[in-house]
Structure formats: C-alpha cells, structure tokens
C-alpha cells in the first residue's frame, strides 16, 4: 500500500483571534446605546478620499483599529490619526480593540510614508499614535521621533500632536520623543487608579502621570494632554482626583469621553454617563485651571484635535497677556 499524503487546506484554517488573551473570558452583555451616543455610518465623498490615501500609503489608523465612532466625521474632514509601528500591540488592555500579540519588525520606510500622506492630505494638524511596543529596547521612541522629523520635512506648516505609550521600563525613551519637538505631547491615563488592575493591567497610574510631568520639566513650553474614559465604574470623586493629579503634573488639556465596549469579551460598560454629567465634568475641569477641556459622550483623544489645539494655544496666549 502506497504512502498516504495529508493535504492541508490553509484557506480553511480558522483565523487567529484578534484578542487571543480574551477568548476564555465569559461573554458580557453589551448595553443598548442611548440616543445621544449613536452615529451615522460613514459614506461621504470626503471619507472615501481619506480612506483611499490611507490605503495607497499602506498606513494604519487608530480610527479603524480602535473602531472609533467618529471616523465618518473625521475622515470626511480629512482628519485621520495615524497609528505607527504596526497594528499589533504587546499589551492587552481590557478596553481596547487594537489587535494583541507579537508585533512585526519596524518598517524603516514608515516615517517617509506618513510624512508624504500628511502633505498630500494638506493637514494643518496631525495626530500620531502607536501600539505599545514592549518588545523594543526603546519602546519605539526613536521611530516616533523619526516620524515627527519626517512630517516636519514634508509638511513644515503642519502642527504635530503625538499620543504615546507609557514607555514603562524604557530608560531614556521619553526624552528621545520629547526632544523631537512635537507641538502636543499626549498620553492618556485612561481611567482612575482603582481600576488599573482590571482595565489597564500592563500600565502603572503613577508612572503615566510622571511621564506627563517629565514632559513639562524637559520642555515647559510643550503642550501636554491626557484623557480618561468614564462609564467603567469610577466615582465622581475619583474623576475629580484624576483632574487634580493632572493639574499637579502640569497637564494643559483634558479629554473625557464615554467608554464603549468593543466586543462581549471586553470590559463591560458599567453605565452610560449622561450629557449633563459630562457638562458638569467640563465645568469642574475648567475651574481647576486646564487651558482646554473636551468632555462629551463621543469625545476621543483625537476628535477635533486641530481646532482644539488652536483654541488651547490662544488660551495660553491670552493667559500670558493677562499675567
């Protein structure tokens, strides 16, 4: 009898789960969204044009990877948040929809492509973010700096905002990024300290806070920005304490938005915070001295980032003129 050969149909093999670390978790109920949180599906001409540029330059955007509810509005206005260093994150935060696993090697050509895309889209303000790259010696800091420099060369009139990882246990990494001179250095605290173990287990609240403080120590004129999600079970008093912590660290701009559960395997929504409550948070934050506050159910770090940057700069100039 002849030898038997087993044929494997690779196409029929199941795709790798987007979040393998969450597969064993029990499904949680996804709450029905209230009327104030619903958005229209993206279909506009502007959206299609932005999508075409992103595809042509082989770029990754956090708008798509994180399933942002504002993608239709932002892409219609040619606002896109570029996500560098791949689409796979080494962390496994309970709230995030970005794919997790072992990332591929860095693409040395990416900075050039990002710079060209920014110039081609004619952006006045661009936001650059990334996955966490704990696998790299510097956490990807040098790559971040290279992207900032490439944008400066290709689109010198564009203001640059970066939304960085925490560079935990990466000595000297933050300084490399700060010294690349972005206009805004953003790092999100994401939630209140009590919830870090369940929501952001790979991070440390006070390390993230200290990162924001170090930006101001190294470059006092650089704008700093940070944000949190609400609806995860935090209390009003805890949110107020985070505001105070940010102000002590010199943070200029705070964003507060509603957490939206990406899948049944992610952290469940505790509740939908009402628009009136968001307005109250905005009032509190302004009273605490932030130059800029964005607080609403659909607020995200990069939503209206360009307009908000202009307002923040004007607020600083006005404050300096009055002092």
Protein backbone atom coordinates (compact mmCIF):
# COMPACT_ATOMS: atom_id res chain seq x y z
CA UNK A 1 0.00 0.00 0.00
CA UNK A 2 1.43 3.36 -1.01
CA UNK A 3 2.25 6.10 1.44
CA UNK A 4 -0.62 8.42 2.32
CA UNK A 5 -0.32 12.17 1.94
CA UNK A 6 -2.40 14.53 4.02
CA UNK A 7 -3.39 17.72 2.23
CA UNK A 8 -3.94 20.78 4.37
CA UNK A 9 -6.22 23.47 3.06
CA UNK A 10 -4.62 26.56 4.55
CA UNK A 11 -7.54 28.75 3.49
CA UNK A 12 -9.91 26.76 5.66
CA UNK A 13 -7.83 27.18 8.83
CA UNK A 14 -9.53 29.46 11.34
CA UNK A 15 -8.16 32.99 11.51
CA UNK A 16 -6.12 33.91 14.56
CA UNK A 17 -8.35 35.63 17.13
CA UNK A 18 -7.88 39.38 17.33
CA UNK A 19 -7.64 39.16 21.12
CA UNK A 20 -6.47 35.61 21.98
CA UNK A 21 -5.95 36.50 25.64
CA UNK A 22 -9.67 37.28 25.98
CA UNK A 23 -11.04 34.14 24.31
CA UNK A 24 -11.57 32.26 27.59
CA UNK A 25 -13.45 35.11 29.20
CA UNK A 26 -17.21 34.76 29.57
CA UNK A 27 -19.30 36.95 27.33
CA UNK A 28 -20.76 40.04 28.95
CA UNK A 29 -23.91 41.83 27.92
CA UNK A 30 -23.48 44.87 25.69
CA UNK A 31 -25.81 47.63 26.81
CA UNK A 32 -28.06 49.26 24.24
CA UNK A 33 -26.69 52.67 23.31
CA UNK A 34 -28.78 55.69 24.27
CA UNK A 35 -29.84 58.18 21.60
CA UNK A 36 -27.01 60.61 22.38
CA UNK A 37 -24.29 58.08 21.59
CA UNK A 38 -25.37 56.89 18.13
CA UNK A 39 -23.57 57.98 14.96
CA UNK A 40 -24.24 57.60 11.24
CA UNK A 41 -22.37 55.08 9.09
CA UNK A 42 -19.53 56.70 7.09
CA UNK A 43 -20.45 57.08 3.41
CA UNK A 44 -19.38 60.61 2.35
CA UNK A 45 -17.08 61.51 -0.53
CA UNK A 46 -14.54 63.03 1.89
CA UNK A 47 -14.48 59.80 3.89
CA UNK A 48 -13.80 57.77 0.73
CA UNK A 49 -10.99 60.12 -0.34
CA UNK A 50 -9.26 59.88 3.04
CA UNK A 51 -9.66 56.11 3.01
CA UNK A 52 -8.06 55.96 -0.45
CA UNK A 53 -4.99 57.92 0.69
CA UNK A 54 -4.60 55.75 3.80
CA UNK A 55 -4.77 52.60 1.65
CA UNK A 56 -2.41 53.94 -1.05
CA UNK A 57 0.26 54.80 1.53
CA UNK A 58 -0.22 51.46 3.32
CA UNK A 59 -0.88 53.24 6.62
CA UNK A 60 -2.62 52.06 9.76
CA UNK A 61 -5.04 54.36 11.56
CA UNK A 62 -6.30 54.14 15.11
CA UNK A 63 -9.63 55.33 13.69
CA UNK A 64 -10.13 51.88 12.18
CA UNK A 65 -8.17 49.70 14.58
CA UNK A 66 -9.90 51.06 17.68
CA UNK A 67 -13.32 51.20 15.98
CA UNK A 68 -13.70 54.90 16.73
CA UNK A 69 -17.31 56.13 16.50
CA UNK A 70 -16.17 59.45 14.99
CA UNK A 71 -14.43 58.00 11.92
CA UNK A 72 -17.12 59.18 9.49
CA UNK A 73 -17.00 62.80 10.68
CA UNK A 74 -13.21 62.99 10.97
CA UNK A 75 -12.36 61.30 7.67
CA UNK A 76 -14.93 63.44 5.85
CA UNK A 77 -12.90 66.46 7.00
CA UNK A 78 -9.61 64.69 6.10
CA UNK A 79 -8.65 64.27 9.75
CA UNK A 80 -7.04 60.91 10.45
CA UNK A 81 -4.97 59.67 13.37
CA UNK A 82 -2.03 57.66 12.05
CA UNK A 83 -1.04 54.62 14.10
CA UNK A 84 2.62 53.79 13.64
CA UNK A 85 4.75 50.73 14.44
CA UNK A 86 2.22 48.21 13.17
CA UNK A 87 -1.30 47.11 14.08
CA UNK A 88 -0.41 44.64 16.85
CA UNK A 89 0.02 45.68 20.48
CA UNK A 90 2.09 43.92 23.14
CA UNK A 91 -0.37 44.94 25.87
CA UNK A 92 -3.84 43.51 26.44
CA UNK A 93 -5.89 46.29 27.98
CA UNK A 94 -9.45 45.29 28.81
CA UNK A 95 -10.99 48.26 26.97
CA UNK A 96 -9.02 48.35 23.72
CA UNK A 97 -9.96 46.90 20.32
CA UNK A 98 -6.44 47.03 18.84
CA UNK A 99 -5.12 43.57 17.95
CA UNK A 100 -2.81 41.96 20.53
CA UNK A 101 0.15 39.64 20.06
CA UNK A 102 3.80 39.72 18.97
CA UNK A 103 4.28 42.60 16.50
CA UNK A 104 6.33 42.50 13.31
CA UNK A 105 9.64 44.32 12.92
CA UNK A 106 9.51 48.08 12.47
CA UNK A 107 9.21 49.37 8.90
CA UNK A 108 12.05 51.87 8.35
CA UNK A 109 10.15 53.41 5.42
CA UNK A 110 7.07 54.23 7.51
CA UNK A 111 8.18 57.72 8.61
CA UNK A 112 8.58 58.81 4.99
CA UNK A 113 5.15 57.45 4.01
CA UNK A 114 3.47 59.16 6.96
CA UNK A 115 5.13 62.46 6.09
CA UNK A 116 4.03 62.17 2.46
CA UNK A 117 0.46 61.32 3.46
CA UNK A 118 0.26 64.32 5.78
CA UNK A 119 1.48 66.58 2.97
CA UNK A 120 -0.87 65.02 0.40
CA UNK A 121 -3.88 65.42 2.67
CA UNK A 122 -2.97 69.04 3.31
CA UNK A 123 -3.39 68.67 7.07
CA UNK A 124 -2.96 71.72 9.27
CA UNK A 125 -2.73 69.46 12.34
CA UNK A 126 -1.93 65.75 12.56
CA UNK A 127 -2.14 63.23 15.39
CA UNK A 128 0.34 60.33 15.51
CA UNK A 129 -0.21 57.44 17.89
CA UNK A 130 1.09 53.90 18.18
CA UNK A 131 0.61 50.48 19.63
CA UNK A 132 2.64 49.59 22.72
CA UNK A 133 5.96 48.04 21.70
CA UNK A 134 7.30 46.47 24.88
CA UNK A 135 9.37 44.17 22.63
CA UNK A 136 11.63 47.04 21.54
CA UNK A 137 14.56 48.27 23.64
CA UNK A 138 13.36 51.89 23.48
CA UNK A 139 9.65 51.09 23.19
CA UNK A 140 9.71 52.61 19.70
CA UNK A 141 10.81 56.07 20.86
CA UNK A 142 13.34 56.59 18.07
CA UNK A 143 10.76 55.57 15.46
CA UNK A 144 8.30 58.08 16.94
CA UNK A 145 10.94 60.80 16.68
CA UNK A 146 11.73 59.81 13.07
CA UNK A 147 8.05 60.19 12.16
CA UNK A 148 7.88 63.65 13.74
CA UNK A 149 11.01 64.72 11.83
CA UNK A 150 9.63 63.29 8.55
CA UNK A 151 6.40 65.27 8.95
CA UNK A 152 8.37 68.45 9.68
CA UNK A 153 10.31 67.93 6.45
CA UNK A 154 7.36 67.00 4.22
CA UNK A 155 4.77 69.36 5.72
CA UNK A 156 6.56 72.12 7.69
CA UNK A 157 3.35 74.12 8.26
CA UNK A 158 1.56 71.18 9.92
CA UNK A 159 1.39 71.14 13.72
CA UNK A 160 2.14 67.71 15.20
CA UNK A 161 0.41 66.03 18.12
CA UNK A 162 1.65 62.69 19.41
CA UNK A 163 -0.28 60.21 21.54
CA UNK A 164 2.34 57.92 23.03
CA UNK A 165 2.60 54.69 25.01
CA UNK A 166 3.90 54.97 28.56
CA UNK A 167 7.48 53.74 27.79
CA UNK A 168 7.36 51.74 31.00
CA UNK A 169 10.81 50.42 31.97
CA UNK A 170 12.39 52.08 28.88
CA UNK A 171 15.02 54.41 30.34
CA UNK A 172 15.67 57.48 28.21
CA UNK A 173 12.88 56.71 25.74
CA UNK A 174 10.56 59.53 26.73
CA UNK A 175 13.37 62.07 26.35
CA UNK A 176 14.01 60.95 22.76
CA UNK A 177 10.38 61.64 21.89
CA UNK A 178 10.17 64.94 23.79
CA UNK A 179 13.33 66.18 22.05
CA UNK A 180 11.75 65.58 18.62
CA UNK A 181 9.67 68.68 19.49
CA UNK A 182 6.06 67.77 18.74
CA UNK A 183 3.62 70.61 19.38
CA UNK A 184 1.48 68.48 21.71
CA UNK A 185 2.56 65.51 23.83
CA UNK A 186 -0.48 63.38 24.71
CA UNK A 187 -0.50 60.33 26.94
CA UNK A 188 -3.81 59.04 28.26
CA UNK A 189 -4.29 57.96 31.87
CA UNK A 190 -7.43 56.17 30.58
CA UNK A 191 -9.13 55.55 33.94
CA UNK A 192 -8.93 56.13 37.69
CA UNK A 193 -6.17 54.43 39.75
CA UNK A 194 -8.54 51.95 41.45
CA UNK A 195 -9.49 50.40 38.11
CA UNK A 196 -6.00 49.99 36.64
CA UNK A 197 -5.60 46.33 37.64
CA UNK A 198 -8.73 45.28 35.77
CA UNK A 199 -8.76 47.83 32.92
CA UNK A 200 -5.11 48.66 32.22
CA UNK A 201 -3.14 45.87 33.93
CA UNK A 202 0.08 46.34 31.97
CA UNK A 203 0.40 50.00 32.97
CA UNK A 204 1.03 51.93 36.19
CA UNK A 205 -1.01 55.02 37.02
CA UNK A 206 1.74 57.00 38.71
CA UNK A 207 4.29 56.11 36.02
CA UNK A 208 1.92 57.54 33.38
CA UNK A 209 1.36 60.63 35.49
CA UNK A 210 5.10 61.06 35.97
CA UNK A 211 5.65 60.77 32.19
CA UNK A 212 3.40 63.78 31.63
CA UNK A 213 5.22 65.68 34.36
CA UNK A 214 8.61 64.91 32.81
CA UNK A 215 7.50 66.44 29.50
CA UNK A 216 6.92 69.78 31.24
CA UNK A 217 10.19 69.53 33.14
CA UNK A 218 12.17 68.99 29.93
CA UNK A 219 10.23 71.45 27.76
CA UNK A 220 7.96 73.80 29.74
CA UNK A 221 6.51 75.29 26.53
CA UNK A 222 5.32 71.98 25.09
CA UNK A 223 1.59 71.45 25.43
CA UNK A 224 0.59 68.31 27.32
CA UNK A 225 -2.68 66.47 27.06
CA UNK A 226 -4.29 63.45 28.71
CA UNK A 227 -7.67 61.76 28.78
CA UNK A 228 -9.87 59.31 30.62
CA UNK A 229 -12.89 57.19 29.81
CA UNK A 230 -15.93 57.17 32.07
CA UNK A 231 -18.68 54.59 32.46
CA UNK A 232 -16.35 51.88 33.79
CA UNK A 233 -17.49 52.12 37.41
CA UNK A 234 -15.48 55.12 38.56
CA UNK A 235 -16.97 57.61 41.01
CA UNK A 236 -17.32 61.37 40.55
CA UNK A 237 -14.83 61.93 43.36
CA UNK A 238 -12.27 59.67 41.68
CA UNK A 239 -12.58 61.61 38.41
CA UNK A 240 -12.05 64.86 40.29
CA UNK A 241 -8.92 63.40 41.91
CA UNK A 242 -7.53 62.45 38.49
CA UNK A 243 -8.15 66.03 37.35
CA UNK A 244 -6.18 67.30 40.35
CA UNK A 245 -3.35 64.84 39.67
CA UNK A 246 -3.16 66.01 36.05
CA UNK A 247 -3.02 69.65 37.08
CA UNK A 248 -0.21 68.97 39.55
CA UNK A 249 1.66 67.34 36.64
CA UNK A 250 1.05 70.48 34.55
CA UNK A 251 -1.32 68.93 32.01
CA UNK A 252 -2.86 71.62 29.78
CA UNK A 253 -5.68 69.71 28.09
CA UNK A 254 -8.02 67.02 29.45
CA UNK A 255 -10.39 64.86 27.40
CA UNK A 256 -13.25 62.91 28.98
CA UNK A 257 -15.36 60.50 26.92
CA UNK A 258 -17.74 57.59 27.27
CA UNK A 259 -16.23 54.10 27.25
CA UNK A 260 -17.79 51.94 24.54
CA UNK A 261 -17.38 48.17 24.75
CA UNK A 262 -15.82 46.79 21.51
CA UNK A 263 -16.90 43.14 21.98
CA UNK A 264 -18.55 40.88 24.55
CA UNK A 265 -15.08 39.78 25.67
CA UNK A 266 -14.00 43.30 26.65
CA UNK A 267 -14.65 45.07 29.93
CA UNK A 268 -18.38 45.69 30.30
CA UNK A 269 -19.88 49.16 30.39
CA UNK A 270 -20.96 49.98 33.91
CA UNK A 271 -23.30 52.74 32.73
CA UNK A 272 -23.80 55.45 30.13
CA UNK A 273 -22.85 58.81 31.57
CA UNK A 274 -25.38 61.49 30.61
CA UNK A 275 -24.55 64.63 28.59
CA UNK A 276 -25.41 66.75 31.66
CA UNK A 277 -22.82 64.86 33.72
CA UNK A 278 -20.20 65.43 31.02
CA UNK A 279 -21.04 69.13 31.09
CA UNK A 280 -20.56 69.15 34.86
CA UNK A 281 -17.14 67.48 34.46
CA UNK A 282 -16.20 70.17 31.92
CA UNK A 283 -17.15 72.91 34.37
CA UNK A 284 -15.08 71.28 37.13
CA UNK A 285 -12.05 70.86 34.85
CA UNK A 286 -12.13 74.47 33.71
CA UNK A 287 -12.37 75.61 37.34
CA UNK A 288 -9.24 73.56 38.11
CA UNK A 289 -7.25 75.53 35.54
CA UNK A 290 -6.98 73.40 32.38
CA UNK A 291 -6.33 75.51 29.29
CA UNK A 292 -8.57 73.24 27.23
CA UNK A 293 -11.31 70.75 28.11
CA UNK A 294 -13.24 68.37 25.89
CA UNK A 295 -15.91 66.45 27.78
CA UNK A 296 -18.78 64.72 25.98
CA UNK A 297 -20.06 61.19 25.30
CA UNK A 298 -18.25 60.99 21.94
CA UNK A 299 -15.06 62.81 22.98
CA UNK A 300 -11.95 60.93 21.92
CA UNK A 301 -8.30 62.00 22.20
CA UNK A 302 -8.01 62.97 18.55
CA UNK A 303 -11.54 64.23 17.88
CA UNK A 304 -11.39 67.87 16.71
CA UNK A 305 -7.71 67.83 17.70
CA UNK A 306 -6.72 70.57 15.25
CA UNK A 307 -9.43 73.03 16.29
CA UNK A 308 -8.80 72.24 19.96
CA UNK A 309 -5.07 72.84 19.54
CA UNK A 310 -5.74 76.30 18.09
CA UNK A 311 -8.07 77.12 21.00
CA UNK A 312 -5.53 75.85 23.54
CA UNK A 313 -2.75 77.97 22.02
CA UNK A 314 -5.00 81.02 22.03
CA UNK A 315 -5.95 80.35 25.66
CA UNK A 316 -2.28 80.24 26.67
CA UNK A 317 -1.52 83.46 24.79
CA UNK A 318 -4.50 85.18 26.38
CA UNK A 319 -3.46 83.97 29.83
CA UNK A 320 0.11 85.18 29.27
CA UNK A 321 -1.20 88.55 28.14
CA UNK A 322 -3.26 88.92 31.31
CA UNK A 323 -0.44 87.94 33.65
